[in-house]
Amino acid sequence: MPATPSLDHVTIVTDDFAATRPAYDAVLGALGLTSQVEYSDPEGDEDDTDEVAAIGYAVEGETAVLWLVAGLQPTSGAHLALRASDRAQVIAAYEAAAGTSARQHQAPRQWEDVQLHYFGTQLVDPNGNVIEVLYRD
């Protein structure tokens, strides 16, 4: 019997790890996803001087579902939609992004459209990737 396809993980590449990491730490942290794995740059070349080269975010004790990786060609224009456990968690993610490099694109609100019908917010990372946090009623 063939395996049912499922999403294993998402990788976002950034060319400014120091600026981008605080945004992901804050937003994902509000959802219970924290840095569970960190890898340093084994090559240490002068074009990529970040000490940490990759972070795997997960619920504690689980496998990383989102990776933030340092690289010269950043991911741009991606749209991540992360499900929150309730409305308060959506608001917490939005508020956690304040003071980080994440730009607040859409304040938390109810989306009444029949095809959407959820409460959510949208943030944008320094490379233009949308981080949407939503709760479905």
C-alpha atoms as a PDB file:
ATOM      1  CA  MET A   1       0.000   0.000   0.000  1.00  0.00           C
ATOM      2  CA  PRO A   2       1.485   3.399  -0.965  1.00  0.00           C
ATOM      3  CA  ALA A   3       2.254   5.907   1.767  1.00  0.00           C
ATOM      4  CA  THR A   4      -0.068   8.862   2.180  1.00  0.00           C
ATOM      5  CA  PRO A   5       1.781  12.014   1.138  1.00  0.00           C
ATOM      6  CA  SER A   6       2.332  14.553   3.879  1.00  0.00           C
ATOM      7  CA  LEU A   7       4.470  17.602   4.436  1.00  0.00           C
ATOM      8  CA  ASP A   8       7.710  16.719   6.232  1.00  0.00           C
ATOM      9  CA  HIS A   9       9.314  20.164   6.576  1.00  0.00           C
ATOM     10  CA  VAL A  10       9.780  23.581   4.985  1.00  0.00           C
ATOM     11  CA  THR A  11      13.140  25.292   4.464  1.00  0.00           C
ATOM     12  CA  ILE A  12      13.511  29.081   4.292  1.00  0.00           C
ATOM     13  CA  VAL A  13      16.900  30.437   3.189  1.00  0.00           C
ATOM     14  CA  THR A  14      18.028  33.875   4.363  1.00  0.00           C
ATOM     15  CA  ASP A  15      21.025  35.958   3.379  1.00  0.00           C
ATOM     16  CA  ASP A  16      20.887  37.878   6.684  1.00  0.00           C
ATOM     17  CA  PHE A  17      20.596  35.249   9.394  1.00  0.00           C
ATOM     18  CA  ALA A  18      21.211  37.691  12.269  1.00  0.00           C
ATOM     19  CA  ALA A  19      18.288  39.900  11.189  1.00  0.00           C
ATOM     20  CA  THR A  20      15.893  37.116  10.222  1.00  0.00           C
ATOM     21  CA  ARG A  21      16.305  34.698  13.119  1.00  0.00           C
ATOM     22  CA  PRO A  22      14.694  36.935  15.794  1.00  0.00           C
ATOM     23  CA  ALA A  23      11.523  37.195  13.684  1.00  0.00           C
ATOM     24  CA  TYR A  24      11.196  33.427  13.338  1.00  0.00           C
ATOM     25  CA  ASP A  25      12.173  32.827  16.966  1.00  0.00           C
ATOM     26  CA  ALA A  26       9.418  35.205  18.117  1.00  0.00           C
ATOM     27  CA  VAL A  27       6.575  34.174  15.803  1.00  0.00           C
ATOM     28  CA  LEU A  28       7.244  30.438  15.910  1.00  0.00           C
ATOM     29  CA  GLY A  29       7.914  30.582  19.660  1.00  0.00           C
ATOM     30  CA  ALA A  30       4.424  32.000  20.219  1.00  0.00           C
ATOM     31  CA  LEU A  31       3.112  28.843  18.504  1.00  0.00           C
ATOM     32  CA  GLY A  32       5.228  26.493  20.621  1.00  0.00           C
ATOM     33  CA  LEU A  33       7.835  25.872  17.909  1.00  0.00           C
ATOM     34  CA  THR A  34      11.332  26.514  19.218  1.00  0.00           C
ATOM     35  CA  SER A  35      14.872  25.866  18.050  1.00  0.00           C
ATOM     36  CA  GLN A  36      15.435  22.151  18.580  1.00  0.00           C
ATOM     37  CA  VAL A  37      18.445  21.719  16.283  1.00  0.00           C
ATOM     38  CA  GLU A  38      21.199  24.197  15.395  1.00  0.00           C
ATOM     39  CA  TYR A  39      24.043  23.529  12.984  1.00  0.00           C
ATOM     40  CA  SER A  40      27.079  25.754  12.596  1.00  0.00           C
ATOM     41  CA  ASP A  41      28.712  26.510   9.256  1.00  0.00           C
ATOM     42  CA  PRO A  42      31.366  23.819   8.813  1.00  0.00           C
ATOM     43  CA  GLU A  43      33.083  25.665   5.959  1.00  0.00           C
ATOM     44  CA  GLY A  44      33.245  29.130   7.508  1.00  0.00           C
ATOM     45  CA  ASP A  45      33.928  30.767   4.159  1.00  0.00           C
ATOM     46  CA  GLU A  46      34.168  34.538   4.013  1.00  0.00           C
ATOM     47  CA  ASP A  47      30.964  34.958   1.963  1.00  0.00           C
ATOM     48  CA  ASP A  48      28.924  33.144   4.629  1.00  0.00           C
ATOM     49  CA  THR A  49      30.302  34.109   8.026  1.00  0.00           C
ATOM     50  CA  ASP A  50      27.290  33.309  10.185  1.00  0.00           C
ATOM     51  CA  GLU A  51      28.195  31.055  13.091  1.00  0.00           C
ATOM     52  CA  VAL A  52      24.830  29.273  12.994  1.00  0.00           C
ATOM     53  CA  ALA A  53      24.012  28.051   9.515  1.00  0.00           C
ATOM     54  CA  ALA A  54      20.709  26.258  10.132  1.00  0.00           C
ATOM     55  CA  ILE A  55      18.006  26.088  12.800  1.00  0.00           C
ATOM     56  CA  GLY A  56      15.318  23.437  12.938  1.00  0.00           C
ATOM     57  CA  TYR A  57      12.117  24.572  14.671  1.00  0.00           C
ATOM     58  CA  ALA A  58       9.813  22.030  16.281  1.00  0.00           C
ATOM     59  CA  VAL A  59       7.632  21.318  19.251  1.00  0.00           C
ATOM     60  CA  GLU A  60       9.980  20.084  21.972  1.00  0.00           C
ATOM     61  CA  GLY A  61      10.942  16.455  21.426  1.00  0.00           C
ATOM     62  CA  GLU A  62       9.557  16.354  17.870  1.00  0.00           C
ATOM     63  CA  THR A  63      11.207  16.460  14.441  1.00  0.00           C
ATOM     64  CA  ALA A  64      11.862  19.911  12.974  1.00  0.00           C
ATOM     65  CA  VAL A  65       9.081  21.093  10.672  1.00  0.00           C
ATOM     66  CA  LEU A  66      10.604  24.422   9.664  1.00  0.00           C
ATOM     67  CA  TRP A  67      14.267  25.091   8.903  1.00  0.00           C
ATOM     68  CA  LEU A  68      15.837  28.551   8.711  1.00  0.00           C
ATOM     69  CA  VAL A  69      19.068  28.249   6.735  1.00  0.00           C
ATOM     70  CA  ALA A  70      21.815  30.785   5.929  1.00  0.00           C
ATOM     71  CA  GLY A  71      22.621  31.108   2.247  1.00  0.00           C
ATOM     72  CA  LEU A  72      23.533  33.528  -0.498  1.00  0.00           C
ATOM     73  CA  GLN A  73      20.256  33.067  -2.448  1.00  0.00           C
ATOM     74  CA  PRO A  74      17.383  33.791  -0.037  1.00  0.00           C
ATOM     75  CA  THR A  75      13.913  32.345  -0.347  1.00  0.00           C
ATOM     76  CA  SER A  76      11.620  35.172  -1.404  1.00  0.00           C
ATOM     77  CA  GLY A  77       7.896  35.308  -1.981  1.00  0.00           C
ATOM     78  CA  ALA A  78       7.007  32.122  -0.084  1.00  0.00           C
ATOM     79  CA  HIS A  79       3.794  31.995   1.932  1.00  0.00           C
ATOM     80  CA  LEU A  80       3.800  29.910   5.113  1.00  0.00           C
ATOM     81  CA  ALA A  81       0.432  29.341   6.786  1.00  0.00           C
ATOM     82  CA  LEU A  82       0.790  28.079  10.349  1.00  0.00           C
ATOM     83  CA  ARG A  83      -2.207  26.861  12.334  1.00  0.00           C
ATOM     84  CA  ALA A  84      -2.640  28.214  15.867  1.00  0.00           C
ATOM     85  CA  SER A  85      -4.508  26.410  18.642  1.00  0.00           C
ATOM     86  CA  ASP A  86      -6.771  29.388  19.367  1.00  0.00           C
ATOM     87  CA  ARG A  87      -7.321  33.105  18.679  1.00  0.00           C
ATOM     88  CA  ALA A  88      -5.117  34.116  21.598  1.00  0.00           C
ATOM     89  CA  GLN A  89      -2.176  32.311  20.000  1.00  0.00           C
ATOM     90  CA  VAL A  90      -2.724  34.248  16.737  1.00  0.00           C
ATOM     91  CA  ILE A  91      -2.635  37.520  18.667  1.00  0.00           C
ATOM     92  CA  ALA A  92       0.418  36.372  20.644  1.00  0.00           C
ATOM     93  CA  ALA A  93       2.323  35.606  17.413  1.00  0.00           C
ATOM     94  CA  TYR A  94       1.416  39.023  15.999  1.00  0.00           C
ATOM     95  CA  GLU A  95       2.515  40.798  19.185  1.00  0.00           C
ATOM     96  CA  ALA A  96       5.709  38.722  19.446  1.00  0.00           C
ATOM     97  CA  ALA A  97       6.765  39.968  16.007  1.00  0.00           C
ATOM     98  CA  ALA A  98       6.783  43.597  17.197  1.00  0.00           C
ATOM     99  CA  GLY A  99      10.335  44.847  17.565  1.00  0.00           C
ATOM    100  CA  THR A 100      11.762  42.151  15.277  1.00  0.00           C
ATOM    101  CA  SER A 101      12.587  42.313  11.583  1.00  0.00           C
ATOM    102  CA  ALA A 102       9.133  40.944  10.723  1.00  0.00           C
ATOM    103  CA  ARG A 103       6.915  43.559   9.122  1.00  0.00           C
ATOM    104  CA  GLN A 104       3.305  43.492  10.284  1.00  0.00           C
ATOM    105  CA  HIS A 105       1.292  43.137   7.076  1.00  0.00           C
ATOM    106  CA  GLN A 106      -2.182  42.269   8.358  1.00  0.00           C
ATOM    107  CA  ALA A 107      -3.361  42.721  11.935  1.00  0.00           C
ATOM    108  CA  PRO A 108      -5.281  39.800  13.450  1.00  0.00           C
ATOM    109  CA  ARG A 109      -8.832  39.710  12.161  1.00  0.00           C
ATOM    110  CA  GLN A 110     -11.703  37.429  11.262  1.00  0.00           C
ATOM    111  CA  TRP A 111     -11.804  36.419   7.601  1.00  0.00           C
ATOM    112  CA  GLU A 112     -15.496  35.868   6.895  1.00  0.00           C
ATOM    113  CA  ASP A 113     -15.195  34.768   3.286  1.00  0.00           C
ATOM    114  CA  VAL A 114     -16.781  31.319   2.834  1.00  0.00           C
ATOM    115  CA  GLN A 115     -13.592  29.740   1.480  1.00  0.00           C
ATOM    116  CA  LEU A 116     -11.413  31.155   4.271  1.00  0.00           C
ATOM    117  CA  HIS A 117     -13.522  31.534   7.399  1.00  0.00           C
ATOM    118  CA  TYR A 118     -10.758  31.850   9.957  1.00  0.00           C
ATOM    119  CA  PHE A 119      -9.113  34.295  12.353  1.00  0.00           C
ATOM    120  CA  GLY A 120      -5.601  35.191  11.269  1.00  0.00           C
ATOM    121  CA  THR A 121      -2.696  37.577  10.876  1.00  0.00           C
ATOM    122  CA  GLN A 122       0.050  38.026   8.302  1.00  0.00           C
ATOM    123  CA  LEU A 123       3.663  39.044   8.855  1.00  0.00           C
ATOM    124  CA  VAL A 124       6.473  39.447   6.332  1.00  0.00           C
ATOM    125  CA  ASP A 125      10.088  38.421   6.970  1.00  0.00           C
ATOM    126  CA  PRO A 126      13.058  40.515   5.732  1.00  0.00           C
ATOM    127  CA  ASN A 127      13.210  38.587   2.436  1.00  0.00           C
ATOM    128  CA  GLY A 128       9.532  39.096   1.606  1.00  0.00           C
ATOM    129  CA  ASN A 129       8.165  35.743   2.764  1.00  0.00           C
ATOM    130  CA  VAL A 130       4.681  35.867   4.267  1.00  0.00           C
ATOM    131  CA  ILE A 131       4.219  34.163   7.632  1.00  0.00           C
ATOM    132  CA  GLU A 132       0.498  33.722   8.171  1.00  0.00           C
ATOM    133  CA  VAL A 133      -0.802  32.524  11.522  1.00  0.00           C
ATOM    134  CA  LEU A 134      -4.406  31.358  11.599  1.00  0.00           C
ATOM    135  CA  TYR A 135      -7.013  29.695  13.739  1.00  0.00           C
ATOM    136  CA  ARG A 136      -9.967  27.921  12.157  1.00  0.00           C
ATOM    137  CA  ASP A 137     -13.196  28.148  14.133  1.00  0.00           C
END
